[in-house]
Amino acid sequence: MSQWQGLSVLTPHGSYDGTCGYCKGALGSEYKSFGTRAERLTCADYQAMLDRGWRRSGKFLYLPDN
């Protein structure tokens, strides 16, 4: 068994600005987020991130900073 098994592996992507695809340019549709890609994520680490406000889209996780 590898010493790294059971650890989460994340690749940070940094902060970025964007607009909401659902709002279509409406007032307040701009946002700021910090994102990271999860190559491997344990259940405990994922739950801890969710508890701190992180959201997920596939392997990409982001923390909204509105």
PDB file of N, CA and C in Angstrom:
ATOM      1  N   MET A   1       0.847  -1.184   0.000  1.00  0.00           N
ATOM      2  CA  MET A   1       0.000   0.000   0.000  1.00  0.00           C
ATOM      3  C   MET A   1       0.892   1.247   0.000  1.00  0.00           C
ATOM      4  N   SER A   2       0.588   2.172  -0.865  1.00  0.00           N
ATOM      5  CA  SER A   2       1.361   3.408  -0.982  1.00  0.00           C
ATOM      6  C   SER A   2       1.089   4.328   0.203  1.00  0.00           C
ATOM      7  N   GLN A   3       2.112   5.085   0.590  1.00  0.00           N
ATOM      8  CA  GLN A   3       1.939   6.035   1.700  1.00  0.00           C
ATOM      9  C   GLN A   3       1.008   7.182   1.327  1.00  0.00           C
ATOM     10  N   TRP A   4       0.773   7.384   0.023  1.00  0.00           N
ATOM     11  CA  TRP A   4      -0.066   8.500  -0.429  1.00  0.00           C
ATOM     12  C   TRP A   4      -1.522   8.103  -0.589  1.00  0.00           C
ATOM     13  N   GLN A   5      -1.813   6.824  -0.509  1.00  0.00           N
ATOM     14  CA  GLN A   5      -3.187   6.392  -0.678  1.00  0.00           C
ATOM     15  C   GLN A   5      -4.044   6.947   0.453  1.00  0.00           C
ATOM     16  N   GLY A   6      -5.226   7.412   0.129  1.00  0.00           N
ATOM     17  CA  GLY A   6      -6.111   7.980   1.128  1.00  0.00           C
ATOM     18  C   GLY A   6      -5.952   9.474   1.320  1.00  0.00           C
ATOM     19  N   LEU A   7      -5.052  10.099   0.533  1.00  0.00           N
ATOM     20  CA  LEU A   7      -4.864  11.551   0.606  1.00  0.00           C
ATOM     21  C   LEU A   7      -5.547  12.223  -0.575  1.00  0.00           C
ATOM     22  N   SER A   8      -6.031  13.425  -0.376  1.00  0.00           N
ATOM     23  CA  SER A   8      -6.618  14.212  -1.455  1.00  0.00           C
ATOM     24  C   SER A   8      -5.519  14.871  -2.273  1.00  0.00           C
ATOM     25  N   VAL A   9      -5.784  15.004  -3.577  1.00  0.00           N
ATOM     26  CA  VAL A   9      -4.849  15.674  -4.481  1.00  0.00           C
ATOM     27  C   VAL A   9      -5.619  16.766  -5.215  1.00  0.00           C
ATOM     28  N   LEU A  10      -5.241  18.028  -4.962  1.00  0.00           N
ATOM     29  CA  LEU A  10      -5.903  19.180  -5.572  1.00  0.00           C
ATOM     30  C   LEU A  10      -4.890  19.998  -6.356  1.00  0.00           C
ATOM     31  N   THR A  11      -5.343  20.563  -7.474  1.00  0.00           N
ATOM     32  CA  THR A  11      -4.521  21.467  -8.270  1.00  0.00           C
ATOM     33  C   THR A  11      -5.189  22.841  -8.251  1.00  0.00           C
ATOM     34  N   PRO A  12      -4.613  23.823  -7.554  1.00  0.00           N
ATOM     35  CA  PRO A  12      -5.245  25.149  -7.481  1.00  0.00           C
ATOM     36  C   PRO A  12      -5.218  25.861  -8.831  1.00  0.00           C
ATOM     37  N   HIS A  13      -6.291  26.562  -9.141  1.00  0.00           N
ATOM     38  CA  HIS A  13      -6.390  27.342 -10.370  1.00  0.00           C
ATOM     39  C   HIS A  13      -6.437  28.840 -10.099  1.00  0.00           C
ATOM     40  N   GLY A  14      -6.511  29.235  -8.846  1.00  0.00           N
ATOM     41  CA  GLY A  14      -6.491  30.653  -8.499  1.00  0.00           C
ATOM     42  C   GLY A  14      -7.850  31.311  -8.558  1.00  0.00           C
ATOM     43  N   SER A  15      -7.838  32.635  -8.425  1.00  0.00           N
ATOM     44  CA  SER A  15      -9.096  33.386  -8.420  1.00  0.00           C
ATOM     45  C   SER A  15      -9.426  33.858  -9.832  1.00  0.00           C
ATOM     46  N   TYR A  16     -10.699  34.078 -10.070  1.00  0.00           N
ATOM     47  CA  TYR A  16     -11.145  34.519 -11.385  1.00  0.00           C
ATOM     48  C   TYR A  16     -12.465  35.267 -11.252  1.00  0.00           C
ATOM     49  N   ASP A  17     -12.762  36.080 -12.253  1.00  0.00           N
ATOM     50  CA  ASP A  17     -14.026  36.810 -12.349  1.00  0.00           C
ATOM     51  C   ASP A  17     -14.866  36.151 -13.437  1.00  0.00           C
ATOM     52  N   GLY A  18     -16.159  36.272 -13.327  1.00  0.00           N
ATOM     53  CA  GLY A  18     -17.031  35.705 -14.341  1.00  0.00           C
ATOM     54  C   GLY A  18     -18.420  36.294 -14.262  1.00  0.00           C
ATOM     55  N   THR A  19     -19.287  35.792 -15.100  1.00  0.00           N
ATOM     56  CA  THR A  19     -20.693  36.195 -15.076  1.00  0.00           C
ATOM     57  C   THR A  19     -21.543  34.937 -15.043  1.00  0.00           C
ATOM     58  N   CYS A  20     -22.682  35.042 -14.451  1.00  0.00           N
ATOM     59  CA  CYS A  20     -23.586  33.917 -14.310  1.00  0.00           C
ATOM     60  C   CYS A  20     -24.219  33.576 -15.661  1.00  0.00           C
ATOM     61  N   GLY A  21     -24.123  32.323 -16.063  1.00  0.00           N
ATOM     62  CA  GLY A  21     -24.720  31.891 -17.321  1.00  0.00           C
ATOM     63  C   GLY A  21     -26.233  31.878 -17.284  1.00  0.00           C
ATOM     64  N   TYR A  22     -26.812  31.764 -16.102  1.00  0.00           N
ATOM     65  CA  TYR A  22     -28.267  31.753 -15.960  1.00  0.00           C
ATOM     66  C   TYR A  22     -28.844  33.163 -15.957  1.00  0.00           C
ATOM     67  N   CYS A  23     -28.080  34.135 -15.444  1.00  0.00           N
ATOM     68  CA  CYS A  23     -28.588  35.495 -15.282  1.00  0.00           C
ATOM     69  C   CYS A  23     -28.533  36.303 -16.579  1.00  0.00           C
ATOM     70  N   LYS A  24     -27.687  35.922 -17.511  1.00  0.00           N
ATOM     71  CA  LYS A  24     -27.570  36.575 -18.821  1.00  0.00           C
ATOM     72  C   LYS A  24     -27.359  38.081 -18.730  1.00  0.00           C
ATOM     73  N   GLY A  25     -26.389  38.515 -17.913  1.00  0.00           N
ATOM     74  CA  GLY A  25     -26.018  39.922 -17.856  1.00  0.00           C
ATOM     75  C   GLY A  25     -26.898  40.796 -16.975  1.00  0.00           C
ATOM     76  N   ALA A  26     -27.795  40.190 -16.209  1.00  0.00           N
ATOM     77  CA  ALA A  26     -28.655  40.976 -15.325  1.00  0.00           C
ATOM     78  C   ALA A  26     -27.805  41.641 -14.241  1.00  0.00           C
ATOM     79  N   LEU A  27     -28.338  42.669 -13.639  1.00  0.00           N
ATOM     80  CA  LEU A  27     -27.660  43.364 -12.563  1.00  0.00           C
ATOM     81  C   LEU A  27     -27.282  42.367 -11.462  1.00  0.00           C
ATOM     82  N   GLY A  28     -26.037  42.369 -11.051  1.00  0.00           N
ATOM     83  CA  GLY A  28     -25.576  41.459 -10.014  1.00  0.00           C
ATOM     84  C   GLY A  28     -25.167  40.089 -10.522  1.00  0.00           C
ATOM     85  N   SER A  29     -25.036  39.919 -11.843  1.00  0.00           N
ATOM     86  CA  SER A  29     -24.689  38.600 -12.372  1.00  0.00           C
ATOM     87  C   SER A  29     -23.177  38.349 -12.390  1.00  0.00           C
ATOM     88  N   GLU A  30     -22.378  39.363 -12.010  1.00  0.00           N
ATOM     89  CA  GLU A  30     -20.933  39.175 -11.963  1.00  0.00           C
ATOM     90  C   GLU A  30     -20.556  38.482 -10.660  1.00  0.00           C
ATOM     91  N   TYR A  31     -19.479  37.716 -10.696  1.00  0.00           N
ATOM     92  CA  TYR A  31     -19.028  37.048  -9.483  1.00  0.00           C
ATOM     93  C   TYR A  31     -17.513  36.896  -9.478  1.00  0.00           C
ATOM     94  N   LYS A  32     -16.982  36.643  -8.313  1.00  0.00           N
ATOM     95  CA  LYS A  32     -15.570  36.318  -8.126  1.00  0.00           C
ATOM     96  C   LYS A  32     -15.518  34.978  -7.405  1.00  0.00           C
ATOM     97  N   SER A  33     -14.586  34.130  -7.804  1.00  0.00           N
ATOM     98  CA  SER A  33     -14.442  32.816  -7.189  1.00  0.00           C
ATOM     99  C   SER A  33     -12.985  32.413  -7.150  1.00  0.00           C
ATOM    100  N   PHE A  34     -12.698  31.429  -6.332  1.00  0.00           N
ATOM    101  CA  PHE A  34     -11.397  30.779  -6.307  1.00  0.00           C
ATOM    102  C   PHE A  34     -11.653  29.327  -6.659  1.00  0.00           C
ATOM    103  N   GLY A  35     -10.864  28.772  -7.578  1.00  0.00           N
ATOM    104  CA  GLY A  35     -11.128  27.415  -8.022  1.00  0.00           C
ATOM    105  C   GLY A  35      -9.946  26.480  -7.883  1.00  0.00           C
ATOM    106  N   THR A  36     -10.262  25.188  -7.839  1.00  0.00           N
ATOM    107  CA  THR A  36      -9.256  24.141  -7.780  1.00  0.00           C
ATOM    108  C   THR A  36      -9.812  22.892  -8.463  1.00  0.00           C
ATOM    109  N   ARG A  37      -8.929  22.073  -8.991  1.00  0.00           N
ATOM    110  CA  ARG A  37      -9.341  20.823  -9.618  1.00  0.00           C
ATOM    111  C   ARG A  37      -8.973  19.676  -8.681  1.00  0.00           C
ATOM    112  N   ALA A  38      -9.910  18.770  -8.482  1.00  0.00           N
ATOM    113  CA  ALA A  38      -9.691  17.632  -7.594  1.00  0.00           C
ATOM    114  C   ALA A  38      -9.325  16.407  -8.426  1.00  0.00           C
ATOM    115  N   GLU A  39      -8.081  15.995  -8.334  1.00  0.00           N
ATOM    116  CA  GLU A  39      -7.662  14.759  -8.981  1.00  0.00           C
ATOM    117  C   GLU A  39      -8.118  13.570  -8.140  1.00  0.00           C
ATOM    118  N   ARG A  40      -8.054  13.745  -6.838  1.00  0.00           N
ATOM    119  CA  ARG A  40      -8.525  12.732  -5.894  1.00  0.00           C
ATOM    120  C   ARG A  40      -8.960  13.491  -4.643  1.00  0.00           C
ATOM    121  N   LEU A  41     -10.125  13.142  -4.105  1.00  0.00           N
ATOM    122  CA  LEU A  41     -10.654  13.860  -2.950  1.00  0.00           C
ATOM    123  C   LEU A  41     -11.336  12.874  -2.011  1.00  0.00           C
ATOM    124  N   THR A  42     -10.884  12.839  -0.761  1.00  0.00           N
ATOM    125  CA  THR A  42     -11.505  11.942   0.207  1.00  0.00           C
ATOM    126  C   THR A  42     -12.874  12.482   0.613  1.00  0.00           C
ATOM    127  N   CYS A  43     -13.719  11.606   1.092  1.00  0.00           N
ATOM    128  CA  CYS A  43     -15.050  12.015   1.547  1.00  0.00           C
ATOM    129  C   CYS A  43     -14.957  13.038   2.667  1.00  0.00           C
ATOM    130  N   ALA A  44     -14.039  12.839   3.599  1.00  0.00           N
ATOM    131  CA  ALA A  44     -13.885  13.755   4.733  1.00  0.00           C
ATOM    132  C   ALA A  44     -13.440  15.137   4.265  1.00  0.00           C
ATOM    133  N   ASP A  45     -12.485  15.191   3.329  1.00  0.00           N
ATOM    134  CA  ASP A  45     -12.022  16.485   2.811  1.00  0.00           C
ATOM    135  C   ASP A  45     -13.122  17.177   2.019  1.00  0.00           C
ATOM    136  N   TYR A  46     -13.871  16.417   1.215  1.00  0.00           N
ATOM    137  CA  TYR A  46     -14.974  16.984   0.438  1.00  0.00           C
ATOM    138  C   TYR A  46     -16.036  17.564   1.374  1.00  0.00           C
ATOM    139  N   GLN A  47     -16.394  16.832   2.418  1.00  0.00           N
ATOM    140  CA  GLN A  47     -17.383  17.332   3.376  1.00  0.00           C
ATOM    141  C   GLN A  47     -16.885  18.590   4.071  1.00  0.00           C
ATOM    142  N   ALA A  48     -15.602  18.616   4.433  1.00  0.00           N
ATOM    143  CA  ALA A  48     -15.036  19.806   5.080  1.00  0.00           C
ATOM    144  C   ALA A  48     -15.093  21.011   4.146  1.00  0.00           C
ATOM    145  N   MET A  49     -14.835  20.806   2.861  1.00  0.00           N
ATOM    146  CA  MET A  49     -14.906  21.910   1.896  1.00  0.00           C
ATOM    147  C   MET A  49     -16.344  22.390   1.740  1.00  0.00           C
ATOM    148  N   LEU A  50     -17.297  21.462   1.636  1.00  0.00           N
ATOM    149  CA  LEU A  50     -18.709  21.849   1.529  1.00  0.00           C
ATOM    150  C   LEU A  50     -19.144  22.652   2.748  1.00  0.00           C
ATOM    151  N   ASP A  51     -18.707  22.228   3.920  1.00  0.00           N
ATOM    152  CA  ASP A  51     -19.065  22.921   5.157  1.00  0.00           C
ATOM    153  C   ASP A  51     -18.517  24.346   5.200  1.00  0.00           C
ATOM    154  N   ARG A  52     -17.469  24.605   4.432  1.00  0.00           N
ATOM    155  CA  ARG A  52     -16.852  25.939   4.389  1.00  0.00           C
ATOM    156  C   ARG A  52     -17.306  26.769   3.186  1.00  0.00           C
ATOM    157  N   GLY A  53     -18.307  26.271   2.439  1.00  0.00           N
ATOM    158  CA  GLY A  53     -18.890  27.056   1.369  1.00  0.00           C
ATOM    159  C   GLY A  53     -18.422  26.714  -0.036  1.00  0.00           C
ATOM    160  N   TRP A  54     -17.580  25.696  -0.201  1.00  0.00           N
ATOM    161  CA  TRP A  54     -17.123  25.294  -1.532  1.00  0.00           C
ATOM    162  C   TRP A  54     -18.255  24.598  -2.268  1.00  0.00           C
ATOM    163  N   ARG A  55     -18.241  24.714  -3.596  1.00  0.00           N
ATOM    164  CA  ARG A  55     -19.210  24.047  -4.460  1.00  0.00           C
ATOM    165  C   ARG A  55     -18.447  23.277  -5.521  1.00  0.00           C
ATOM    166  N   ARG A  56     -19.126  22.341  -6.187  1.00  0.00           N
ATOM    167  CA  ARG A  56     -18.463  21.454  -7.132  1.00  0.00           C
ATOM    168  C   ARG A  56     -19.191  21.424  -8.469  1.00  0.00           C
ATOM    169  N   SER A  57     -18.420  21.308  -9.535  1.00  0.00           N
ATOM    170  CA  SER A  57     -18.939  21.064 -10.871  1.00  0.00           C
ATOM    171  C   SER A  57     -17.991  20.055 -11.517  1.00  0.00           C
ATOM    172  N   GLY A  58     -18.367  18.801 -11.494  1.00  0.00           N
ATOM    173  CA  GLY A  58     -17.477  17.747 -11.970  1.00  0.00           C
ATOM    174  C   GLY A  58     -16.276  17.638 -11.052  1.00  0.00           C
ATOM    175  N   LYS A  59     -15.064  17.704 -11.622  1.00  0.00           N
ATOM    176  CA  LYS A  59     -13.844  17.657 -10.809  1.00  0.00           C
ATOM    177  C   LYS A  59     -13.397  19.037 -10.379  1.00  0.00           C
ATOM    178  N   PHE A  60     -14.094  20.075 -10.823  1.00  0.00           N
ATOM    179  CA  PHE A  60     -13.728  21.442 -10.489  1.00  0.00           C
ATOM    180  C   PHE A  60     -14.486  21.882  -9.243  1.00  0.00           C
ATOM    181  N   LEU A  61     -13.764  22.395  -8.243  1.00  0.00           N
ATOM    182  CA  LEU A  61     -14.368  22.930  -7.035  1.00  0.00           C
ATOM    183  C   LEU A  61     -14.097  24.413  -6.965  1.00  0.00           C
ATOM    184  N   TYR A  62     -15.067  25.188  -6.501  1.00  0.00           N
ATOM    185  CA  TYR A  62     -14.888  26.642  -6.443  1.00  0.00           C
ATOM    186  C   TYR A  62     -15.513  27.192  -5.177  1.00  0.00           C
ATOM    187  N   LEU A  63     -14.919  28.280  -4.723  1.00  0.00           N
ATOM    188  CA  LEU A  63     -15.396  28.983  -3.538  1.00  0.00           C
ATOM    189  C   LEU A  63     -15.854  30.370  -3.968  1.00  0.00           C
ATOM    190  N   PRO A  64     -17.163  30.606  -4.033  1.00  0.00           N
ATOM    191  CA  PRO A  64     -17.660  31.927  -4.417  1.00  0.00           C
ATOM    192  C   PRO A  64     -17.210  32.997  -3.423  1.00  0.00           C
ATOM    193  N   ASP A  65     -16.874  34.173  -3.952  1.00  0.00           N
ATOM    194  CA  ASP A  65     -16.438  35.304  -3.137  1.00  0.00           C
ATOM    195  C   ASP A  65     -17.246  36.522  -3.562  1.00  0.00           C
ATOM    196  N   ASN A  66     -18.540  36.500  -3.223  1.00  0.00           N
ATOM    197  CA  ASN A  66     -19.435  37.576  -3.683  1.00  0.00           C
ATOM    198  C   ASN A  66     -19.426  38.739  -2.733  1.00  0.00           C
TER     199      ASN A  66
END
